[in-house]
Amino acid sequence: MINVTITNCTLEEMPLITRMASLDGRNTGLNDPELFYRTDPDGFFIAVTDGNILGSISANRIAS
Protein backbone atom coordinates (compact mmCIF):
# COMPACT_ATOMS: atom_id res chain seq x y z
CA MET A 1 0.00 0.00 0.00
CA ILE A 2 1.33 3.44 -0.93
CA ASN A 3 0.73 6.22 1.58
CA VAL A 4 0.04 9.44 -0.34
CA THR A 5 -0.50 12.81 1.29
CA ILE A 6 -2.05 15.81 -0.48
CA THR A 7 -0.74 19.15 0.75
CA ASN A 8 -0.63 22.75 -0.37
CA CYS A 9 2.41 23.52 -2.47
CA THR A 10 4.83 26.10 -1.12
CA LEU A 11 6.43 28.84 -3.16
CA GLU A 12 9.76 27.04 -2.72
CA GLU A 13 8.30 23.90 -4.35
CA MET A 14 7.00 25.78 -7.39
CA PRO A 15 10.23 25.47 -9.45
CA LEU A 16 10.11 21.69 -9.07
CA ILE A 17 6.51 21.32 -10.19
CA THR A 18 7.20 23.76 -13.04
CA ARG A 19 10.08 21.52 -14.19
CA MET A 20 7.81 18.48 -13.87
CA ALA A 21 5.24 20.20 -16.10
CA SER A 22 7.93 21.03 -18.64
CA LEU A 23 9.05 17.40 -18.78
CA ASP A 24 5.42 16.48 -19.43
CA GLY A 25 5.42 18.80 -22.46
CA ARG A 26 3.47 21.67 -20.89
CA ASN A 27 4.68 25.25 -21.29
CA THR A 28 3.74 27.19 -18.18
CA GLY A 29 5.36 30.45 -19.24
CA LEU A 30 8.42 31.90 -17.54
CA ASN A 31 6.63 33.98 -14.91
CA ASP A 32 3.23 32.28 -14.80
CA PRO A 33 3.79 29.97 -11.81
CA GLU A 34 4.94 32.75 -9.47
CA LEU A 35 2.24 35.14 -10.72
CA PHE A 36 -0.54 32.59 -10.18
CA TYR A 37 0.93 31.51 -6.84
CA ARG A 38 1.01 35.08 -5.54
CA THR A 39 -2.58 35.57 -6.75
CA ASP A 40 -3.87 32.40 -5.05
CA PRO A 41 -1.29 30.60 -2.87
CA ASP A 42 -3.96 28.14 -1.70
CA GLY A 43 -4.64 26.96 -5.25
CA PHE A 44 -1.65 24.65 -5.74
CA PHE A 45 -1.53 21.11 -4.39
CA ILE A 46 1.06 18.34 -4.43
CA ALA A 47 0.83 14.61 -3.86
CA VAL A 48 3.72 13.38 -1.69
CA THR A 49 4.89 9.93 -0.66
CA ASP A 50 8.03 9.20 1.36
CA GLY A 51 9.13 12.82 0.92
CA ASN A 52 8.90 12.65 -2.88
CA ILE A 53 6.48 14.70 -4.97
CA LEU A 54 4.42 12.40 -7.18
CA GLY A 55 2.41 15.05 -8.95
CA SER A 56 0.65 18.36 -8.70
CA ILE A 57 -2.54 20.11 -9.63
CA SER A 58 -3.75 23.68 -9.49
CA ALA A 59 -7.18 25.16 -9.10
CA ASN A 60 -6.55 28.87 -8.96
CA ARG A 61 -8.80 31.80 -8.28
CA ILE A 62 -7.83 34.48 -10.77
CA ALA A 63 -10.14 37.25 -9.61
CA SER A 64 -11.30 38.37 -6.20
PDB file of N, CA and C in Angstrom:
ATOM      1  N   MET A   1       0.840  -1.180   0.000  1.00  0.00           N
ATOM      2  CA  MET A   1       0.000   0.000   0.000  1.00  0.00           C
ATOM      3  C   MET A   1       0.887   1.246   0.000  1.00  0.00           C
ATOM      4  N   ILE A   2       0.592   2.185  -0.859  1.00  0.00           N
ATOM      5  CA  ILE A   2       1.334   3.438  -0.934  1.00  0.00           C
ATOM      6  C   ILE A   2       0.592   4.489  -0.129  1.00  0.00           C
ATOM      7  N   ASN A   3       1.309   5.161   0.770  1.00  0.00           N
ATOM      8  CA  ASN A   3       0.732   6.217   1.580  1.00  0.00           C
ATOM      9  C   ASN A   3       0.983   7.550   0.888  1.00  0.00           C
ATOM     10  N   VAL A   4      -0.066   8.169   0.375  1.00  0.00           N
ATOM     11  CA  VAL A   4       0.039   9.444  -0.343  1.00  0.00           C
ATOM     12  C   VAL A   4      -0.641  10.527   0.472  1.00  0.00           C
ATOM     13  N   THR A   5       0.042  11.660   0.588  1.00  0.00           N
ATOM     14  CA  THR A   5      -0.499  12.808   1.294  1.00  0.00           C
ATOM     15  C   THR A   5      -0.664  13.956   0.300  1.00  0.00           C
ATOM     16  N   ILE A   6      -1.801  14.630   0.345  1.00  0.00           N
ATOM     17  CA  ILE A   6      -2.049  15.809  -0.483  1.00  0.00           C
ATOM     18  C   ILE A   6      -1.859  17.032   0.405  1.00  0.00           C
ATOM     19  N   THR A   7      -0.989  17.935  -0.014  1.00  0.00           N
ATOM     20  CA  THR A   7      -0.737  19.149   0.755  1.00  0.00           C
ATOM     21  C   THR A   7      -0.721  20.353  -0.180  1.00  0.00           C
ATOM     22  N   ASN A   8      -0.803  21.532   0.415  1.00  0.00           N
ATOM     23  CA  ASN A   8      -0.631  22.749  -0.365  1.00  0.00           C
ATOM     24  C   ASN A   8       0.838  22.864  -0.765  1.00  0.00           C
ATOM     25  N   CYS A   9       1.063  23.297  -1.964  1.00  0.00           N
ATOM     26  CA  CYS A   9       2.406  23.520  -2.475  1.00  0.00           C
ATOM     27  C   CYS A   9       2.940  24.837  -1.909  1.00  0.00           C
ATOM     28  N   THR A  10       4.213  24.867  -1.569  1.00  0.00           N
ATOM     29  CA  THR A  10       4.830  26.102  -1.116  1.00  0.00           C
ATOM     30  C   THR A  10       5.478  26.809  -2.293  1.00  0.00           C
ATOM     31  N   LEU A  11       5.768  28.073  -2.114  1.00  0.00           N
ATOM     32  CA  LEU A  11       6.434  28.840  -3.164  1.00  0.00           C
ATOM     33  C   LEU A  11       7.790  28.214  -3.495  1.00  0.00           C
ATOM     34  N   GLU A  12       8.466  27.670  -2.501  1.00  0.00           N
ATOM     35  CA  GLU A  12       9.764  27.041  -2.716  1.00  0.00           C
ATOM     36  C   GLU A  12       9.661  25.772  -3.565  1.00  0.00           C
ATOM     37  N   GLU A  13       8.502  25.117  -3.558  1.00  0.00           N
ATOM     38  CA  GLU A  13       8.302  23.901  -4.352  1.00  0.00           C
ATOM     39  C   GLU A  13       7.872  24.196  -5.785  1.00  0.00           C
ATOM     40  N   MET A  14       7.487  25.429  -6.062  1.00  0.00           N
ATOM     41  CA  MET A  14       6.996  25.781  -7.390  1.00  0.00           C
ATOM     42  C   MET A  14       7.996  25.493  -8.516  1.00  0.00           C
ATOM     43  N   PRO A  15       9.301  25.789  -8.357  1.00  0.00           N
ATOM     44  CA  PRO A  15      10.230  25.470  -9.454  1.00  0.00           C
ATOM     45  C   PRO A  15      10.245  23.983  -9.805  1.00  0.00           C
ATOM     46  N   LEU A  16      10.119  23.124  -8.803  1.00  0.00           N
ATOM     47  CA  LEU A  16      10.115  21.686  -9.070  1.00  0.00           C
ATOM     48  C   LEU A  16       8.875  21.277  -9.860  1.00  0.00           C
ATOM     49  N   ILE A  17       7.702  21.739  -9.456  1.00  0.00           N
ATOM     50  CA  ILE A  17       6.508  21.324 -10.191  1.00  0.00           C
ATOM     51  C   ILE A  17       6.464  21.975 -11.576  1.00  0.00           C
ATOM     52  N   THR A  18       7.090  23.142 -11.719  1.00  0.00           N
ATOM     53  CA  THR A  18       7.196  23.763 -13.044  1.00  0.00           C
ATOM     54  C   THR A  18       8.084  22.915 -13.948  1.00  0.00           C
ATOM     55  N   ARG A  19       9.203  22.413 -13.406  1.00  0.00           N
ATOM     56  CA  ARG A  19      10.076  21.521 -14.187  1.00  0.00           C
ATOM     57  C   ARG A  19       9.351  20.226 -14.536  1.00  0.00           C
ATOM     58  N   MET A  20       8.570  19.696 -13.590  1.00  0.00           N
ATOM     59  CA  MET A  20       7.809  18.476 -13.869  1.00  0.00           C
ATOM     60  C   MET A  20       6.830  18.716 -15.021  1.00  0.00           C
ATOM     61  N   ALA A  21       6.180  19.870 -15.031  1.00  0.00           N
ATOM     62  CA  ALA A  21       5.237  20.196 -16.105  1.00  0.00           C
ATOM     63  C   ALA A  21       5.966  20.303 -17.436  1.00  0.00           C
ATOM     64  N   SER A  22       7.141  20.898 -17.422  1.00  0.00           N
ATOM     65  CA  SER A  22       7.929  21.033 -18.639  1.00  0.00           C
ATOM     66  C   SER A  22       8.310  19.666 -19.206  1.00  0.00           C
ATOM     67  N   LEU A  23       8.709  18.748 -18.340  1.00  0.00           N
ATOM     68  CA  LEU A  23       9.054  17.398 -18.782  1.00  0.00           C
ATOM     69  C   LEU A  23       7.852  16.674 -19.364  1.00  0.00           C
ATOM     70  N   ASP A  24       6.664  17.074 -18.938  1.00  0.00           N
ATOM     71  CA  ASP A  24       5.420  16.482 -19.429  1.00  0.00           C
ATOM     72  C   ASP A  24       4.958  17.155 -20.719  1.00  0.00           C
ATOM     73  N   GLY A  25       5.743  18.140 -21.201  1.00  0.00           N
ATOM     74  CA  GLY A  25       5.421  18.801 -22.462  1.00  0.00           C
ATOM     75  C   GLY A  25       4.538  20.024 -22.318  1.00  0.00           C
ATOM     76  N   ARG A  26       4.300  20.482 -21.094  1.00  0.00           N
ATOM     77  CA  ARG A  26       3.474  21.670 -20.893  1.00  0.00           C
ATOM     78  C   ARG A  26       4.367  22.895 -20.752  1.00  0.00           C
ATOM     79  N   ASN A  27       3.949  23.992 -21.362  1.00  0.00           N
ATOM     80  CA  ASN A  27       4.681  25.248 -21.290  1.00  0.00           C
ATOM     81  C   ASN A  27       3.920  26.182 -20.366  1.00  0.00           C
ATOM     82  N   THR A  28       4.443  26.373 -19.161  1.00  0.00           N
ATOM     83  CA  THR A  28       3.739  27.188 -18.175  1.00  0.00           C
ATOM     84  C   THR A  28       4.017  28.674 -18.324  1.00  0.00           C
ATOM     85  N   GLY A  29       4.977  29.047 -19.143  1.00  0.00           N
ATOM     86  CA  GLY A  29       5.363  30.452 -19.241  1.00  0.00           C
ATOM     87  C   GLY A  29       6.391  30.762 -18.165  1.00  0.00           C
ATOM     88  N   LEU A  30       7.311  31.641 -18.456  1.00  0.00           N
ATOM     89  CA  LEU A  30       8.424  31.895 -17.539  1.00  0.00           C
ATOM     90  C   LEU A  30       7.987  32.433 -16.195  1.00  0.00           C
ATOM     91  N   ASN A  31       7.033  33.344 -16.160  1.00  0.00           N
ATOM     92  CA  ASN A  31       6.632  33.978 -14.908  1.00  0.00           C
ATOM     93  C   ASN A  31       5.258  33.533 -14.411  1.00  0.00           C
ATOM     94  N   ASP A  32       4.587  32.686 -15.164  1.00  0.00           N
ATOM     95  CA  ASP A  32       3.226  32.283 -14.800  1.00  0.00           C
ATOM     96  C   ASP A  32       3.115  31.615 -13.432  1.00  0.00           C
ATOM     97  N   PRO A  33       3.967  30.638 -13.098  1.00  0.00           N
ATOM     98  CA  PRO A  33       3.794  29.967 -11.809  1.00  0.00           C
ATOM     99  C   PRO A  33       3.854  30.929 -10.623  1.00  0.00           C
ATOM    100  N   GLU A  34       4.838  31.819 -10.598  1.00  0.00           N
ATOM    101  CA  GLU A  34       4.945  32.754  -9.471  1.00  0.00           C
ATOM    102  C   GLU A  34       3.778  33.736  -9.462  1.00  0.00           C
ATOM    103  N   LEU A  35       3.372  34.208 -10.625  1.00  0.00           N
ATOM    104  CA  LEU A  35       2.243  35.136 -10.717  1.00  0.00           C
ATOM    105  C   LEU A  35       0.965  34.493 -10.186  1.00  0.00           C
ATOM    106  N   PHE A  36       0.660  33.279 -10.642  1.00  0.00           N
ATOM    107  CA  PHE A  36      -0.540  32.593 -10.177  1.00  0.00           C
ATOM    108  C   PHE A  36      -0.439  32.241  -8.698  1.00  0.00           C
ATOM    109  N   TYR A  37       0.761  31.852  -8.248  1.00  0.00           N
ATOM    110  CA  TYR A  37       0.926  31.513  -6.837  1.00  0.00           C
ATOM    111  C   TYR A  37       0.673  32.731  -5.955  1.00  0.00           C
ATOM    112  N   ARG A  38       1.197  33.865  -6.345  1.00  0.00           N
ATOM    113  CA  ARG A  38       1.008  35.077  -5.542  1.00  0.00           C
ATOM    114  C   ARG A  38      -0.460  35.539  -5.576  1.00  0.00           C
ATOM    115  N   THR A  39      -1.171  35.238  -6.653  1.00  0.00           N
ATOM    116  CA  THR A  39      -2.585  35.573  -6.745  1.00  0.00           C
ATOM    117  C   THR A  39      -3.428  34.665  -5.863  1.00  0.00           C
ATOM    118  N   ASP A  40      -3.092  33.376  -5.830  1.00  0.00           N
ATOM    119  CA  ASP A  40      -3.865  32.402  -5.051  1.00  0.00           C
ATOM    120  C   ASP A  40      -2.949  31.315  -4.498  1.00  0.00           C
ATOM    121  N   PRO A  41      -2.227  31.587  -3.402  1.00  0.00           N
ATOM    122  CA  PRO A  41      -1.288  30.603  -2.865  1.00  0.00           C
ATOM    123  C   PRO A  41      -1.949  29.321  -2.362  1.00  0.00           C
ATOM    124  N   ASP A  42      -3.254  29.341  -2.143  1.00  0.00           N
ATOM    125  CA  ASP A  42      -3.956  28.137  -1.696  1.00  0.00           C
ATOM    126  C   ASP A  42      -4.454  27.286  -2.855  1.00  0.00           C
ATOM    127  N   GLY A  43      -4.108  27.657  -4.081  1.00  0.00           N
ATOM    128  CA  GLY A  43      -4.636  26.956  -5.251  1.00  0.00           C
ATOM    129  C   GLY A  43      -3.716  25.918  -5.858  1.00  0.00           C
ATOM    130  N   PHE A  44      -2.577  25.638  -5.225  1.00  0.00           N
ATOM    131  CA  PHE A  44      -1.646  24.648  -5.741  1.00  0.00           C
ATOM    132  C   PHE A  44      -1.509  23.512  -4.738  1.00  0.00           C
ATOM    133  N   PHE A  45      -1.575  22.292  -5.247  1.00  0.00           N
ATOM    134  CA  PHE A  45      -1.527  21.109  -4.385  1.00  0.00           C
ATOM    135  C   PHE A  45      -0.509  20.118  -4.938  1.00  0.00           C
ATOM    136  N   ILE A  46       0.133  19.381  -4.031  1.00  0.00           N
ATOM    137  CA  ILE A  46       1.063  18.341  -4.430  1.00  0.00           C
ATOM    138  C   ILE A  46       0.699  17.039  -3.740  1.00  0.00           C
ATOM    139  N   ALA A  47       0.979  15.952  -4.424  1.00  0.00           N
ATOM    140  CA  ALA A  47       0.834  14.611  -3.858  1.00  0.00           C
ATOM    141  C   ALA A  47       2.233  14.140  -3.481  1.00  0.00           C
ATOM    142  N   VAL A  48       2.401  13.746  -2.217  1.00  0.00           N
ATOM    143  CA  VAL A  48       3.718  13.382  -1.695  1.00  0.00           C
ATOM    144  C   VAL A  48       3.670  11.985  -1.084  1.00  0.00           C
ATOM    145  N   THR A  49       4.714  11.200  -1.337  1.00  0.00           N
ATOM    146  CA  THR A  49       4.894   9.929  -0.661  1.00  0.00           C
ATOM    147  C   THR A  49       6.370   9.778  -0.322  1.00  0.00           C
ATOM    148  N   ASP A  50       6.653   9.388   0.888  1.00  0.00           N
ATOM    149  CA  ASP A  50       8.032   9.196   1.356  1.00  0.00           C
ATOM    150  C   ASP A  50       8.918  10.403   1.049  1.00  0.00           C
ATOM    151  N   GLY A  51       8.366  11.611   1.160  1.00  0.00           N
ATOM    152  CA  GLY A  51       9.131  12.824   0.919  1.00  0.00           C
ATOM    153  C   GLY A  51       9.336  13.175  -0.534  1.00  0.00           C
ATOM    154  N   ASN A  52       8.757  12.403  -1.444  1.00  0.00           N
ATOM    155  CA  ASN A  52       8.896  12.647  -2.880  1.00  0.00           C
ATOM    156  C   ASN A  52       7.588  13.156  -3.462  1.00  0.00           C
ATOM    157  N   ILE A  53       7.670  14.176  -4.306  1.00  0.00           N
ATOM    158  CA  ILE A  53       6.482  14.702  -4.970  1.00  0.00           C
ATOM    159  C   ILE A  53       6.125  13.790  -6.138  1.00  0.00           C
ATOM    160  N   LEU A  54       4.906  13.280  -6.116  1.00  0.00           N
ATOM    161  CA  LEU A  54       4.424  12.397  -7.185  1.00  0.00           C
ATOM    162  C   LEU A  54       3.773  13.180  -8.308  1.00  0.00           C
ATOM    163  N   GLY A  55       3.122  14.280  -7.951  1.00  0.00           N
ATOM    164  CA  GLY A  55       2.405  15.051  -8.952  1.00  0.00           C
ATOM    165  C   GLY A  55       1.837  16.309  -8.325  1.00  0.00           C
ATOM    166  N   SER A  56       1.227  17.115  -9.175  1.00  0.00           N
ATOM    167  CA  SER A  56       0.654  18.361  -8.698  1.00  0.00           C
ATOM    168  C   SER A  56      -0.572  18.715  -9.512  1.00  0.00           C
ATOM    169  N   ILE A  57      -1.359  19.602  -8.939  1.00  0.00           N
ATOM    170  CA  ILE A  57      -2.537  20.113  -9.633  1.00  0.00           C
ATOM    171  C   ILE A  57      -2.790  21.516  -9.112  1.00  0.00           C
ATOM    172  N   SER A  58      -3.391  22.332  -9.944  1.00  0.00           N
ATOM    173  CA  SER A  58      -3.749  23.677  -9.488  1.00  0.00           C
ATOM    174  C   SER A  58      -5.202  23.948  -9.807  1.00  0.00           C
ATOM    175  N   ALA A  59      -5.807  24.703  -8.940  1.00  0.00           N
ATOM    176  CA  ALA A  59      -7.179  25.158  -9.103  1.00  0.00           C
ATOM    177  C   ALA A  59      -7.193  26.583  -8.559  1.00  0.00           C
ATOM    178  N   ASN A  60      -6.804  27.509  -9.409  1.00  0.00           N
ATOM    179  CA  ASN A  60      -6.549  28.872  -8.961  1.00  0.00           C
ATOM    180  C   ASN A  60      -7.716  29.808  -9.159  1.00  0.00           C
ATOM    181  N   ARG A  61      -7.864  30.674  -8.193  1.00  0.00           N
ATOM    182  CA  ARG A  61      -8.802  31.795  -8.276  1.00  0.00           C
ATOM    183  C   ARG A  61      -8.033  32.899  -8.975  1.00  0.00           C
ATOM    184  N   ILE A  62      -8.576  33.453 -10.047  1.00  0.00           N
ATOM    185  CA  ILE A  62      -7.833  34.477 -10.773  1.00  0.00           C
ATOM    186  C   ILE A  62      -8.443  35.857 -10.601  1.00  0.00           C
ATOM    187  N   ALA A  63      -9.529  35.948  -9.887  1.00  0.00           N
ATOM    188  CA  ALA A  63     -10.142  37.249  -9.606  1.00  0.00           C
ATOM    189  C   ALA A  63     -10.727  37.203  -8.207  1.00  0.00           C
ATOM    190  N   SER A  64     -10.758  38.356  -7.565  1.00  0.00           N
ATOM    191  CA  SER A  64     -11.305  38.367  -6.200  1.00  0.00           C
ATOM    192  C   SER A  64     -12.782  38.646  -6.204  1.00  0.00           C
TER     193      SER A  64
END
